[in-house]
């Protein structure tokens, strides 16, 4: 199974005071069945490529509806769980 990690930042960003556009994105991810890892500057989600892509679409839609002016997304493809990544 293909696995993907997405890290996203929703702006405008105010340190220590996430606005409704940030929480809407995080709630959308939860609603898609993925538990977000919320850091001080960004949020990370991880799972099957299909699930993460679905969650990313939902977070974009929710955040922009709630007033986001920019959403930065970094996507990384991960090796399958249990794969020998050292060769």
Protein backbone atom coordinates (compact mmCIF):
# COMPACT_ATOMS: atom_id res chain seq x y z
CA UNK A 1 0.00 0.00 0.00
CA UNK A 2 1.35 3.42 -0.93
CA UNK A 3 1.76 5.80 2.00
CA UNK A 4 2.02 9.57 1.96
CA UNK A 5 2.83 12.31 4.44
CA UNK A 6 1.53 15.84 3.96
CA UNK A 7 2.67 18.83 5.99
CA UNK A 8 0.55 21.95 5.69
CA UNK A 9 0.53 25.49 6.97
CA UNK A 10 -2.57 27.66 6.77
CA UNK A 11 -2.22 31.44 6.68
CA UNK A 12 -2.60 34.05 7.95
CA UNK A 13 -0.48 32.56 10.69
CA UNK A 14 -0.44 33.98 14.22
CA UNK A 15 1.88 32.15 16.62
CA UNK A 16 -0.09 30.65 19.49
CA UNK A 17 -3.46 31.85 18.19
CA UNK A 18 -4.73 29.68 15.33
CA UNK A 19 -7.68 31.30 13.66
CA UNK A 20 -10.85 29.58 12.44
CA UNK A 21 -9.22 28.95 9.05
CA UNK A 22 -6.55 26.81 10.77
CA UNK A 23 -8.93 24.88 12.99
CA UNK A 24 -11.29 24.32 10.05
CA UNK A 25 -8.46 22.63 8.15
CA UNK A 26 -7.57 20.43 11.12
CA UNK A 27 -11.22 19.52 11.71
CA UNK A 28 -11.63 18.62 8.03
CA UNK A 29 -8.68 16.24 8.29
CA UNK A 30 -10.21 14.61 11.37
CA UNK A 31 -13.52 14.34 9.53
CA UNK A 32 -11.70 12.46 6.76
CA UNK A 33 -10.58 9.91 9.35
CA UNK A 34 -6.97 11.02 9.83
CA UNK A 35 -5.57 12.22 13.15
CA UNK A 36 -3.46 15.34 12.53
CA UNK A 37 -0.13 15.91 14.27
CA UNK A 38 -0.40 19.60 15.17
CA UNK A 39 2.96 21.33 15.55
CA UNK A 40 3.85 24.89 16.45
CA UNK A 41 4.06 26.05 12.82
CA UNK A 42 2.42 23.34 10.71
CA UNK A 43 0.24 20.27 10.82
CA UNK A 44 1.21 16.84 9.49
CA UNK A 45 -1.01 14.00 8.33
CA UNK A 46 0.05 10.54 7.23
CA UNK A 47 -1.69 7.51 5.78
CA UNK A 48 -2.54 5.78 2.55
CA UNK A 49 -2.04 7.98 -0.47
CA UNK A 50 -5.75 7.81 -1.25
CA UNK A 51 -6.82 8.81 2.28
CA UNK A 52 -4.28 11.63 2.53
CA UNK A 53 -5.22 13.02 -0.89
CA UNK A 54 -8.89 13.00 0.12
CA UNK A 55 -8.10 14.71 3.44
CA UNK A 56 -5.92 17.31 1.69
CA UNK A 57 -8.75 18.25 -0.64
CA UNK A 58 -11.11 18.61 2.29
CA UNK A 59 -8.68 20.73 4.30
CA UNK A 60 -8.15 23.09 1.37
CA UNK A 61 -11.86 23.55 0.89
CA UNK A 62 -12.58 24.05 4.61
CA UNK A 63 -9.67 26.43 5.22
CA UNK A 64 -10.46 28.67 2.25
CA UNK A 65 -14.13 28.82 3.24
CA UNK A 66 -13.02 29.89 6.72
CA UNK A 67 -10.78 32.71 5.46
CA UNK A 68 -7.37 31.22 4.63
CA UNK A 69 -5.32 33.44 2.34
CA UNK A 70 -2.59 30.87 1.65
CA UNK A 71 -2.13 27.16 2.21
CA UNK A 72 1.36 25.71 1.84
CA UNK A 73 1.51 21.95 1.34
CA UNK A 74 4.50 19.63 1.20
CA UNK A 75 3.87 16.04 0.13
CA UNK A 76 6.30 13.16 0.68
CA UNK A 77 5.83 9.61 -0.58
CA UNK A 78 6.81 7.04 2.05
CA UNK A 79 7.95 3.45 1.64
CA UNK A 80 5.32 0.84 2.47
CA UNK A 81 5.14 -0.06 6.14
CA UNK A 82 7.59 -2.84 6.93
CA UNK A 83 9.65 -2.23 3.77
CA UNK A 84 13.42 -2.56 4.01
CA UNK A 85 14.48 0.98 3.08
CA UNK A 86 18.21 0.22 3.44
CA UNK A 87 18.16 -2.19 0.50
